[in-house]
Amino acid sequence: MSALRIVIMAGGRATRMNGVEKALLKLRGRPLIEYVLDVAGELGGELYIAPSKHTPLTKRWCIEKGIQIIETAGEGYSRDLRYVASRVNRPLLFLPVDAPFLTAEL
């Protein structure tokens, strides 16, 4: 069996956040994406972040951190999921970027 691939979905339009990219919103001094990255690290496996044209700052943040990205078109969550799934081998786990209270046990 091949290693788990974890994809953190981070390409939303953030319309309810007045255009602020959710991945970079701070909670207790840390960007939301870092909380989800912590969980991904506990789970192990190959990690990807899926930003889109709507999240250029998140994309840049990931590149600066050396995290692999799969850029999506940002045409909706389910469409972006299908796009990523067609390009990454299984087993595959998707995590939302805006879930800072997610734990590896869940």
PDB file of N, CA and C in Angstrom:
ATOM      1  N   MET A   1       0.840  -1.177   0.000  1.00  0.00           N
ATOM      2  CA  MET A   1       0.000   0.000   0.000  1.00  0.00           C
ATOM      3  C   MET A   1       0.886   1.241   0.000  1.00  0.00           C
ATOM      4  N   SER A   2       0.509   2.233  -0.790  1.00  0.00           N
ATOM      5  CA  SER A   2       1.319   3.439  -0.876  1.00  0.00           C
ATOM      6  C   SER A   2       1.030   4.375   0.288  1.00  0.00           C
ATOM      7  N   ALA A   3       1.926   5.314   0.491  1.00  0.00           N
ATOM      8  CA  ALA A   3       1.800   6.261   1.605  1.00  0.00           C
ATOM      9  C   ALA A   3       0.612   7.200   1.402  1.00  0.00           C
ATOM     10  N   LEU A   4       0.085   7.654   2.505  1.00  0.00           N
ATOM     11  CA  LEU A   4      -1.025   8.596   2.495  1.00  0.00           C
ATOM     12  C   LEU A   4      -0.588   9.932   1.901  1.00  0.00           C
ATOM     13  N   ARG A   5      -1.440  10.503   1.080  1.00  0.00           N
ATOM     14  CA  ARG A   5      -1.243  11.862   0.567  1.00  0.00           C
ATOM     15  C   ARG A   5      -2.279  12.742   1.242  1.00  0.00           C
ATOM     16  N   ILE A   6      -1.836  13.842   1.820  1.00  0.00           N
ATOM     17  CA  ILE A   6      -2.732  14.766   2.513  1.00  0.00           C
ATOM     18  C   ILE A   6      -2.771  16.068   1.733  1.00  0.00           C
ATOM     19  N   VAL A   7      -3.980  16.515   1.420  1.00  0.00           N
ATOM     20  CA  VAL A   7      -4.159  17.768   0.690  1.00  0.00           C
ATOM     21  C   VAL A   7      -4.975  18.719   1.553  1.00  0.00           C
ATOM     22  N   ILE A   8      -4.404  19.864   1.848  1.00  0.00           N
ATOM     23  CA  ILE A   8      -5.127  20.899   2.578  1.00  0.00           C
ATOM     24  C   ILE A   8      -5.722  21.855   1.552  1.00  0.00           C
ATOM     25  N   MET A   9      -7.042  21.909   1.536  1.00  0.00           N
ATOM     26  CA  MET A   9      -7.756  22.753   0.577  1.00  0.00           C
ATOM     27  C   MET A   9      -7.728  24.202   1.066  1.00  0.00           C
ATOM     28  N   ALA A  10      -7.142  25.084   0.253  1.00  0.00           N
ATOM     29  CA  ALA A  10      -6.935  26.472   0.673  1.00  0.00           C
ATOM     30  C   ALA A  10      -7.167  27.453  -0.468  1.00  0.00           C
ATOM     31  N   GLY A  11      -8.183  27.195  -1.278  1.00  0.00           N
ATOM     32  CA  GLY A  11      -8.392  28.043  -2.446  1.00  0.00           C
ATOM     33  C   GLY A  11      -9.693  28.799  -2.479  1.00  0.00           C
ATOM     34  N   GLY A  12     -10.380  28.901  -1.346  1.00  0.00           N
ATOM     35  CA  GLY A  12     -11.687  29.551  -1.322  1.00  0.00           C
ATOM     36  C   GLY A  12     -11.635  31.051  -1.535  1.00  0.00           C
ATOM     37  N   ARG A  13     -12.759  31.592  -1.925  1.00  0.00           N
ATOM     38  CA  ARG A  13     -12.860  33.025  -2.212  1.00  0.00           C
ATOM     39  C   ARG A  13     -12.926  33.894  -0.964  1.00  0.00           C
ATOM     40  N   ALA A  14     -13.235  33.325   0.161  1.00  0.00           N
ATOM     41  CA  ALA A  14     -13.318  34.055   1.436  1.00  0.00           C
ATOM     42  C   ALA A  14     -14.309  35.213   1.366  1.00  0.00           C
ATOM     43  N   THR A  15     -15.424  34.975   0.709  1.00  0.00           N
ATOM     44  CA  THR A  15     -16.416  36.045   0.557  1.00  0.00           C
ATOM     45  C   THR A  15     -16.981  36.490   1.897  1.00  0.00           C
ATOM     46  N   ARG A  16     -17.099  35.589   2.844  1.00  0.00           N
ATOM     47  CA  ARG A  16     -17.615  35.965   4.166  1.00  0.00           C
ATOM     48  C   ARG A  16     -16.547  36.591   5.049  1.00  0.00           C
ATOM     49  N   MET A  17     -15.321  36.612   4.576  1.00  0.00           N
ATOM     50  CA  MET A  17     -14.211  37.159   5.362  1.00  0.00           C
ATOM     51  C   MET A  17     -13.723  38.485   4.777  1.00  0.00           C
ATOM     52  N   ASN A  18     -14.553  39.121   3.966  1.00  0.00           N
ATOM     53  CA  ASN A  18     -14.181  40.392   3.325  1.00  0.00           C
ATOM     54  C   ASN A  18     -12.898  40.281   2.513  1.00  0.00           C
ATOM     55  N   GLY A  19     -12.707  39.145   1.869  1.00  0.00           N
ATOM     56  CA  GLY A  19     -11.565  38.954   0.989  1.00  0.00           C
ATOM     57  C   GLY A  19     -10.272  38.538   1.668  1.00  0.00           C
ATOM     58  N   VAL A  20     -10.250  38.443   2.980  1.00  0.00           N
ATOM     59  CA  VAL A  20      -9.043  38.001   3.687  1.00  0.00           C
ATOM     60  C   VAL A  20      -8.918  36.485   3.513  1.00  0.00           C
ATOM     61  N   GLU A  21      -7.758  36.038   3.093  1.00  0.00           N
ATOM     62  CA  GLU A  21      -7.553  34.606   2.867  1.00  0.00           C
ATOM     63  C   GLU A  21      -7.610  33.855   4.193  1.00  0.00           C
ATOM     64  N   LYS A  22      -8.513  32.876   4.257  1.00  0.00           N
ATOM     65  CA  LYS A  22      -8.738  32.146   5.514  1.00  0.00           C
ATOM     66  C   LYS A  22      -7.480  31.458   6.029  1.00  0.00           C
ATOM     67  N   ALA A  23      -6.689  30.927   5.145  1.00  0.00           N
ATOM     68  CA  ALA A  23      -5.485  30.205   5.568  1.00  0.00           C
ATOM     69  C   ALA A  23      -4.569  31.072   6.418  1.00  0.00           C
ATOM     70  N   LEU A  24      -4.583  32.369   6.146  1.00  0.00           N
ATOM     71  CA  LEU A  24      -3.657  33.271   6.825  1.00  0.00           C
ATOM     72  C   LEU A  24      -4.288  34.055   7.966  1.00  0.00           C
ATOM     73  N   LEU A  25      -5.579  33.843   8.197  1.00  0.00           N
ATOM     74  CA  LEU A  25      -6.225  34.469   9.351  1.00  0.00           C
ATOM     75  C   LEU A  25      -5.553  33.967  10.621  1.00  0.00           C
ATOM     76  N   LYS A  26      -5.369  34.842  11.569  1.00  0.00           N
ATOM     77  CA  LYS A  26      -4.674  34.448  12.800  1.00  0.00           C
ATOM     78  C   LYS A  26      -5.654  34.085  13.904  1.00  0.00           C
ATOM     79  N   LEU A  27      -5.309  33.023  14.585  1.00  0.00           N
ATOM     80  CA  LEU A  27      -6.018  32.574  15.775  1.00  0.00           C
ATOM     81  C   LEU A  27      -4.949  32.350  16.842  1.00  0.00           C
ATOM     82  N   ARG A  28      -5.042  33.080  17.911  1.00  0.00           N
ATOM     83  CA  ARG A  28      -4.045  32.995  18.983  1.00  0.00           C
ATOM     84  C   ARG A  28      -2.628  33.195  18.441  1.00  0.00           C
ATOM     85  N   GLY A  29      -2.497  34.134  17.501  1.00  0.00           N
ATOM     86  CA  GLY A  29      -1.187  34.501  16.980  1.00  0.00           C
ATOM     87  C   GLY A  29      -0.629  33.628  15.879  1.00  0.00           C
ATOM     88  N   ARG A  30      -1.380  32.618  15.450  1.00  0.00           N
ATOM     89  CA  ARG A  30      -0.901  31.710  14.390  1.00  0.00           C
ATOM     90  C   ARG A  30      -1.889  31.683  13.241  1.00  0.00           C
ATOM     91  N   PRO A  31      -1.398  31.595  11.994  1.00  0.00           N
ATOM     92  CA  PRO A  31      -2.322  31.451  10.871  1.00  0.00           C
ATOM     93  C   PRO A  31      -3.060  30.110  10.953  1.00  0.00           C
ATOM     94  N   LEU A  32      -4.318  30.101  10.524  1.00  0.00           N
ATOM     95  CA  LEU A  32      -5.128  28.877  10.574  1.00  0.00           C
ATOM     96  C   LEU A  32      -4.435  27.700   9.901  1.00  0.00           C
ATOM     97  N   ILE A  33      -3.748  27.962   8.804  1.00  0.00           N
ATOM     98  CA  ILE A  33      -3.102  26.878   8.062  1.00  0.00           C
ATOM     99  C   ILE A  33      -2.096  26.118   8.934  1.00  0.00           C
ATOM    100  N   GLU A  34      -1.457  26.799   9.871  1.00  0.00           N
ATOM    101  CA  GLU A  34      -0.469  26.123  10.717  1.00  0.00           C
ATOM    102  C   GLU A  34      -1.102  25.068  11.623  1.00  0.00           C
ATOM    103  N   TYR A  35      -2.305  25.324  12.084  1.00  0.00           N
ATOM    104  CA  TYR A  35      -2.995  24.337  12.924  1.00  0.00           C
ATOM    105  C   TYR A  35      -3.273  23.054  12.133  1.00  0.00           C
ATOM    106  N   VAL A  36      -3.707  23.226  10.891  1.00  0.00           N
ATOM    107  CA  VAL A  36      -4.016  22.059  10.055  1.00  0.00           C
ATOM    108  C   VAL A  36      -2.721  21.355   9.643  1.00  0.00           C
ATOM    109  N   LEU A  37      -1.670  22.122   9.411  1.00  0.00           N
ATOM    110  CA  LEU A  37      -0.370  21.515   9.114  1.00  0.00           C
ATOM    111  C   LEU A  37       0.130  20.669  10.286  1.00  0.00           C
ATOM    112  N   ASP A  38      -0.131  21.112  11.502  1.00  0.00           N
ATOM    113  CA  ASP A  38       0.252  20.314  12.676  1.00  0.00           C
ATOM    114  C   ASP A  38      -0.429  18.948  12.656  1.00  0.00           C
ATOM    115  N   VAL A  39      -1.717  18.936  12.337  1.00  0.00           N
ATOM    116  CA  VAL A  39      -2.467  17.675  12.269  1.00  0.00           C
ATOM    117  C   VAL A  39      -1.918  16.803  11.145  1.00  0.00           C
ATOM    118  N   ALA A  40      -1.666  17.409   9.990  1.00  0.00           N
ATOM    119  CA  ALA A  40      -1.112  16.654   8.864  1.00  0.00           C
ATOM    120  C   ALA A  40       0.229  16.036   9.250  1.00  0.00           C
ATOM    121  N   GLY A  41       1.037  16.775   9.985  1.00  0.00           N
ATOM    122  CA  GLY A  41       2.325  16.256  10.436  1.00  0.00           C
ATOM    123  C   GLY A  41       2.177  15.055  11.360  1.00  0.00           C
ATOM    124  N   GLU A  42       1.163  15.086  12.214  1.00  0.00           N
ATOM    125  CA  GLU A  42       0.905  13.948  13.108  1.00  0.00           C
ATOM    126  C   GLU A  42       0.485  12.710  12.315  1.00  0.00           C
ATOM    127  N   LEU A  43      -0.266  12.926  11.252  1.00  0.00           N
ATOM    128  CA  LEU A  43      -0.757  11.809  10.452  1.00  0.00           C
ATOM    129  C   LEU A  43       0.330  11.215   9.571  1.00  0.00           C
ATOM    130  N   GLY A  44       1.299  12.013   9.186  1.00  0.00           N
ATOM    131  CA  GLY A  44       2.369  11.562   8.313  1.00  0.00           C
ATOM    132  C   GLY A  44       1.902  11.481   6.874  1.00  0.00           C
ATOM    133  N   GLY A  45       2.811  11.209   5.993  1.00  0.00           N
ATOM    134  CA  GLY A  45       2.473  11.112   4.581  1.00  0.00           C
ATOM    135  C   GLY A  45       2.958  12.315   3.796  1.00  0.00           C
ATOM    136  N   GLU A  46       2.670  12.273   2.523  1.00  0.00           N
ATOM    137  CA  GLU A  46       3.071  13.336   1.610  1.00  0.00           C
ATOM    138  C   GLU A  46       2.055  14.469   1.684  1.00  0.00           C
ATOM    139  N   LEU A  47       2.537  15.702   1.788  1.00  0.00           N
ATOM    140  CA  LEU A  47       1.668  16.846   2.018  1.00  0.00           C
ATOM    141  C   LEU A  47       1.607  17.771   0.810  1.00  0.00           C
ATOM    142  N   TYR A  48       0.395  18.227   0.514  1.00  0.00           N
ATOM    143  CA  TYR A  48       0.160  19.228  -0.524  1.00  0.00           C
ATOM    144  C   TYR A  48      -0.804  20.278   0.026  1.00  0.00           C
ATOM    145  N   ILE A  49      -0.666  21.497  -0.477  1.00  0.00           N
ATOM    146  CA  ILE A  49      -1.651  22.544  -0.226  1.00  0.00           C
ATOM    147  C   ILE A  49      -2.261  22.876  -1.578  1.00  0.00           C
ATOM    148  N   ALA A  50      -3.585  23.083  -1.597  1.00  0.00           N
ATOM    149  CA  ALA A  50      -4.284  23.395  -2.847  1.00  0.00           C
ATOM    150  C   ALA A  50      -4.843  24.816  -2.794  1.00  0.00           C
ATOM    151  N   PRO A  51      -4.002  25.812  -3.155  1.00  0.00           N
ATOM    152  CA  PRO A  51      -4.504  27.176  -3.263  1.00  0.00           C
ATOM    153  C   PRO A  51      -5.140  27.381  -4.636  1.00  0.00           C
ATOM    154  N   SER A  52      -5.647  28.579  -4.876  1.00  0.00           N
ATOM    155  CA  SER A  52      -6.212  28.894  -6.190  1.00  0.00           C
ATOM    156  C   SER A  52      -5.854  30.331  -6.553  1.00  0.00           C
ATOM    157  N   LYS A  53      -6.383  30.781  -7.678  1.00  0.00           N
ATOM    158  CA  LYS A  53      -6.152  32.173  -8.086  1.00  0.00           C
ATOM    159  C   LYS A  53      -6.725  33.150  -7.060  1.00  0.00           C
ATOM    160  N   HIS A  54      -7.621  32.688  -6.220  1.00  0.00           N
ATOM    161  CA  HIS A  54      -8.236  33.536  -5.197  1.00  0.00           C
ATOM    162  C   HIS A  54      -7.365  33.677  -3.950  1.00  0.00           C
ATOM    163  N   THR A  55      -6.311  32.865  -3.852  1.00  0.00           N
ATOM    164  CA  THR A  55      -5.491  32.873  -2.636  1.00  0.00           C
ATOM    165  C   THR A  55      -3.995  33.011  -2.954  1.00  0.00           C
ATOM    166  N   PRO A  56      -3.615  34.097  -3.613  1.00  0.00           N
ATOM    167  CA  PRO A  56      -2.205  34.259  -3.992  1.00  0.00           C
ATOM    168  C   PRO A  56      -1.260  34.394  -2.797  1.00  0.00           C
ATOM    169  N   LEU A  57      -1.727  34.989  -1.713  1.00  0.00           N
ATOM    170  CA  LEU A  57      -0.861  35.134  -0.535  1.00  0.00           C
ATOM    171  C   LEU A  57      -0.612  33.783   0.130  1.00  0.00           C
ATOM    172  N   THR A  58      -1.633  32.937   0.127  1.00  0.00           N
ATOM    173  CA  THR A  58      -1.472  31.583   0.668  1.00  0.00           C
ATOM    174  C   THR A  58      -0.490  30.795  -0.196  1.00  0.00           C
ATOM    175  N   LYS A  59      -0.621  30.925  -1.494  1.00  0.00           N
ATOM    176  CA  LYS A  59       0.301  30.243  -2.409  1.00  0.00           C
ATOM    177  C   LYS A  59       1.738  30.684  -2.130  1.00  0.00           C
ATOM    178  N   ARG A  60       1.946  31.986  -2.014  1.00  0.00           N
ATOM    179  CA  ARG A  60       3.290  32.503  -1.746  1.00  0.00           C
ATOM    180  C   ARG A  60       3.810  31.992  -0.397  1.00  0.00           C
ATOM    181  N   TRP A  61       2.951  31.978   0.616  1.00  0.00           N
ATOM    182  CA  TRP A  61       3.330  31.490   1.947  1.00  0.00           C
ATOM    183  C   TRP A  61       3.812  30.044   1.855  1.00  0.00           C
ATOM    184  N   CYS A  62       3.081  29.222   1.111  1.00  0.00           N
ATOM    185  CA  CYS A  62       3.446  27.804   0.958  1.00  0.00           C
ATOM    186  C   CYS A  62       4.772  27.646   0.231  1.00  0.00           C
ATOM    187  N   ILE A  63       4.960  28.419  -0.820  1.00  0.00           N
ATOM    188  CA  ILE A  63       6.220  28.353  -1.569  1.00  0.00           C
ATOM    189  C   ILE A  63       7.384  28.741  -0.665  1.00  0.00           C
ATOM    190  N   GLU A  64       7.208  29.804   0.117  1.00  0.00           N
ATOM    191  CA  GLU A  64       8.263  30.240   1.037  1.00  0.00           C
ATOM    192  C   GLU A  64       8.585  29.173   2.082  1.00  0.00           C
ATOM    193  N   LYS A  65       7.595  28.386   2.468  1.00  0.00           N
ATOM    194  CA  LYS A  65       7.792  27.322   3.462  1.00  0.00           C
ATOM    195  C   LYS A  65       8.258  26.012   2.826  1.00  0.00           C
ATOM    196  N   GLY A  66       8.325  25.968   1.493  1.00  0.00           N
ATOM    197  CA  GLY A  66       8.764  24.758   0.802  1.00  0.00           C
ATOM    198  C   GLY A  66       7.720  23.657   0.754  1.00  0.00           C
ATOM    199  N   ILE A  67       6.445  24.036   0.853  1.00  0.00           N
ATOM    200  CA  ILE A  67       5.356  23.062   0.826  1.00  0.00           C
ATOM    201  C   ILE A  67       4.890  22.883  -0.616  1.00  0.00           C
ATOM    202  N   GLN A  68       4.694  21.640  -1.023  1.00  0.00           N
ATOM    203  CA  GLN A  68       4.216  21.355  -2.375  1.00  0.00           C
ATOM    204  C   GLN A  68       2.815  21.920  -2.568  1.00  0.00           C
ATOM    205  N   ILE A  69       2.579  22.502  -3.735  1.00  0.00           N
ATOM    206  CA  ILE A  69       1.244  23.021  -4.021  1.00  0.00           C
ATOM    207  C   ILE A  69       0.676  22.371  -5.273  1.00  0.00           C
ATOM    208  N   ILE A  70      -0.639  22.295  -5.296  1.00  0.00           N
ATOM    209  CA  ILE A  70      -1.388  21.914  -6.490  1.00  0.00           C
ATOM    210  C   ILE A  70      -2.397  23.035  -6.679  1.00  0.00           C
ATOM    211  N   GLU A  71      -2.115  23.929  -7.601  1.00  0.00           N
ATOM    212  CA  GLU A  71      -2.996  25.082  -7.773  1.00  0.00           C
ATOM    213  C   GLU A  71      -4.268  24.669  -8.502  1.00  0.00           C
ATOM    214  N   THR A  72      -5.392  25.075  -7.950  1.00  0.00           N
ATOM    215  CA  THR A  72      -6.690  24.765  -8.548  1.00  0.00           C
ATOM    216  C   THR A  72      -7.252  26.011  -9.225  1.00  0.00           C
ATOM    217  N   ALA A  73      -8.326  25.831  -9.964  1.00  0.00           N
ATOM    218  CA  ALA A  73      -8.960  26.951 -10.661  1.00  0.00           C
ATOM    219  C   ALA A  73      -9.804  27.812  -9.728  1.00  0.00           C
ATOM    220  N   GLY A  74     -10.118  27.297  -8.557  1.00  0.00           N
ATOM    221  CA  GLY A  74     -10.937  28.061  -7.625  1.00  0.00           C
ATOM    222  C   GLY A  74     -12.366  28.218  -8.094  1.00  0.00           C
ATOM    223  N   GLU A  75     -12.877  27.181  -8.740  1.00  0.00           N
ATOM    224  CA  GLU A  75     -14.237  27.226  -9.301  1.00  0.00           C
ATOM    225  C   GLU A  75     -15.256  26.542  -8.400  1.00  0.00           C
ATOM    226  N   GLY A  76     -14.925  26.364  -7.146  1.00  0.00           N
ATOM    227  CA  GLY A  76     -15.828  25.702  -6.208  1.00  0.00           C
ATOM    228  C   GLY A  76     -15.141  24.531  -5.542  1.00  0.00           C
ATOM    229  N   TYR A  77     -15.536  24.276  -4.302  1.00  0.00           N
ATOM    230  CA  TYR A  77     -14.867  23.258  -3.488  1.00  0.00           C
ATOM    231  C   TYR A  77     -14.910  21.880  -4.139  1.00  0.00           C
ATOM    232  N   SER A  78     -16.084  21.439  -4.578  1.00  0.00           N
ATOM    233  CA  SER A  78     -16.183  20.082  -5.137  1.00  0.00           C
ATOM    234  C   SER A  78     -15.420  19.961  -6.448  1.00  0.00           C
ATOM    235  N   ARG A  79     -15.430  20.993  -7.257  1.00  0.00           N
ATOM    236  CA  ARG A  79     -14.670  20.954  -8.509  1.00  0.00           C
ATOM    237  C   ARG A  79     -13.169  20.893  -8.226  1.00  0.00           C
ATOM    238  N   ASP A  80     -12.749  21.704  -7.271  1.00  0.00           N
ATOM    239  CA  ASP A  80     -11.333  21.696  -6.911  1.00  0.00           C
ATOM    240  C   ASP A  80     -10.918  20.348  -6.314  1.00  0.00           C
ATOM    241  N   LEU A  81     -11.785  19.741  -5.513  1.00  0.00           N
ATOM    242  CA  LEU A  81     -11.505  18.401  -4.973  1.00  0.00           C
ATOM    243  C   LEU A  81     -11.297  17.397  -6.101  1.00  0.00           C
ATOM    244  N   ARG A  82     -12.194  17.410  -7.066  1.00  0.00           N
ATOM    245  CA  ARG A  82     -12.074  16.472  -8.198  1.00  0.00           C
ATOM    246  C   ARG A  82     -10.782  16.713  -8.973  1.00  0.00           C
ATOM    247  N   TYR A  83     -10.446  17.975  -9.169  1.00  0.00           N
ATOM    248  CA  TYR A  83      -9.222  18.309  -9.894  1.00  0.00           C
ATOM    249  C   TYR A  83      -8.002  17.726  -9.178  1.00  0.00           C
ATOM    250  N   VAL A  84      -7.903  17.982  -7.889  1.00  0.00           N
ATOM    251  CA  VAL A  84      -6.762  17.479  -7.118  1.00  0.00           C
ATOM    252  C   VAL A  84      -6.752  15.953  -7.117  1.00  0.00           C
ATOM    253  N   ALA A  85      -7.897  15.333  -6.910  1.00  0.00           N
ATOM    254  CA  ALA A  85      -7.981  13.869  -6.869  1.00  0.00           C
ATOM    255  C   ALA A  85      -7.527  13.240  -8.182  1.00  0.00           C
ATOM    256  N   SER A  86      -7.700  13.950  -9.279  1.00  0.00           N
ATOM    257  CA  SER A  86      -7.282  13.412 -10.575  1.00  0.00           C
ATOM    258  C   SER A  86      -5.772  13.515 -10.782  1.00  0.00           C
ATOM    259  N   ARG A  87      -5.087  14.234  -9.904  1.00  0.00           N
ATOM    260  CA  ARG A  87      -3.654  14.453 -10.071  1.00  0.00           C
ATOM    261  C   ARG A  87      -2.776  13.864  -8.967  1.00  0.00           C
ATOM    262  N   VAL A  88      -3.398  13.321  -7.940  1.00  0.00           N
ATOM    263  CA  VAL A  88      -2.634  12.779  -6.813  1.00  0.00           C
ATOM    264  C   VAL A  88      -3.025  11.318  -6.618  1.00  0.00           C
ATOM    265  N   ASN A  89      -2.019  10.471  -6.431  1.00  0.00           N
ATOM    266  CA  ASN A  89      -2.278   9.047  -6.193  1.00  0.00           C
ATOM    267  C   ASN A  89      -2.970   8.824  -4.857  1.00  0.00           C
ATOM    268  N   ARG A  90      -3.647   7.703  -4.749  1.00  0.00           N
ATOM    269  CA  ARG A  90      -4.340   7.326  -3.519  1.00  0.00           C
ATOM    270  C   ARG A  90      -3.394   6.529  -2.627  1.00  0.00           C
ATOM    271  N   PRO A  91      -3.664   6.352  -1.358  1.00  0.00           N
ATOM    272  CA  PRO A  91      -4.776   6.902  -0.595  1.00  0.00           C
ATOM    273  C   PRO A  91      -4.609   8.406  -0.389  1.00  0.00           C
ATOM    274  N   LEU A  92      -5.731   9.081  -0.307  1.00  0.00           N
ATOM    275  CA  LEU A  92      -5.769  10.537  -0.313  1.00  0.00           C
ATOM    276  C   LEU A  92      -6.703  11.036   0.780  1.00  0.00           C
ATOM    277  N   LEU A  93      -6.239  12.015   1.538  1.00  0.00           N
ATOM    278  CA  LEU A  93      -7.048  12.621   2.589  1.00  0.00           C
ATOM    279  C   LEU A  93      -7.104  14.120   2.350  1.00  0.00           C
ATOM    280  N   PHE A  94      -8.311  14.663   2.269  1.00  0.00           N
ATOM    281  CA  PHE A  94      -8.497  16.102   2.130  1.00  0.00           C
ATOM    282  C   PHE A  94      -8.798  16.702   3.494  1.00  0.00           C
ATOM    283  N   LEU A  95      -8.162  17.830   3.796  1.00  0.00           N
ATOM    284  CA  LEU A  95      -8.436  18.572   5.021  1.00  0.00           C
ATOM    285  C   LEU A  95      -8.764  20.018   4.655  1.00  0.00           C
ATOM    286  N   PRO A  96      -9.736  20.625   5.317  1.00  0.00           N
ATOM    287  CA  PRO A  96     -10.036  22.036   5.055  1.00  0.00           C
ATOM    288  C   PRO A  96      -9.047  22.927   5.811  1.00  0.00           C
ATOM    289  N   VAL A  97      -8.681  24.031   5.201  1.00  0.00           N
ATOM    290  CA  VAL A  97      -7.725  24.933   5.836  1.00  0.00           C
ATOM    291  C   VAL A  97      -8.323  25.666   7.034  1.00  0.00           C
ATOM    292  N   ASP A  98      -9.640  25.752   7.070  1.00  0.00           N
ATOM    293  CA  ASP A  98     -10.288  26.545   8.124  1.00  0.00           C
ATOM    294  C   ASP A  98     -10.838  25.671   9.251  1.00  0.00           C
ATOM    295  N   ALA A  99     -10.027  24.712   9.681  1.00  0.00           N
ATOM    296  CA  ALA A  99     -10.435  23.803  10.761  1.00  0.00           C
ATOM    297  C   ALA A  99      -9.342  23.752  11.831  1.00  0.00           C
ATOM    298  N   PRO A 100      -9.126  24.855  12.549  1.00  0.00           N
ATOM    299  CA  PRO A 100      -8.020  24.894  13.507  1.00  0.00           C
ATOM    300  C   PRO A 100      -8.190  23.962  14.703  1.00  0.00           C
ATOM    301  N   PHE A 101      -9.398  23.474  14.940  1.00  0.00           N
ATOM    302  CA  PHE A 101      -9.630  22.596  16.094  1.00  0.00           C
ATOM    303  C   PHE A 101      -9.650  21.119  15.702  1.00  0.00           C
ATOM    304  N   LEU A 102      -9.299  20.829  14.470  1.00  0.00           N
ATOM    305  CA  LEU A 102      -9.196  19.458  13.989  1.00  0.00           C
ATOM    306  C   LEU A 102      -8.062  18.758  14.735  1.00  0.00           C
ATOM    307  N   THR A 103      -8.264  17.483  15.035  1.00  0.00           N
ATOM    308  CA  THR A 103      -7.199  16.702  15.669  1.00  0.00           C
ATOM    309  C   THR A 103      -6.944  15.447  14.848  1.00  0.00           C
ATOM    310  N   ALA A 104      -5.784  14.869  15.021  1.00  0.00           N
ATOM    311  CA  ALA A 104      -5.446  13.640  14.306  1.00  0.00           C
ATOM    312  C   ALA A 104      -6.355  12.493  14.721  1.00  0.00           C
ATOM    313  N   GLU A 105      -6.886  12.541  15.924  1.00  0.00           N
ATOM    314  CA  GLU A 105      -7.763  11.479  16.412  1.00  0.00           C
ATOM    315  C   GLU A 105      -9.106  11.466  15.685  1.00  0.00           C
ATOM    316  N   LEU A 106      -9.546  12.610  15.204  1.00  0.00           N
ATOM    317  CA  LEU A 106     -10.825  12.660  14.501  1.00  0.00           C
ATOM    318  C   LEU A 106     -10.733  11.884  13.221  1.00  0.00           C
TER     319      LEU A 106
END
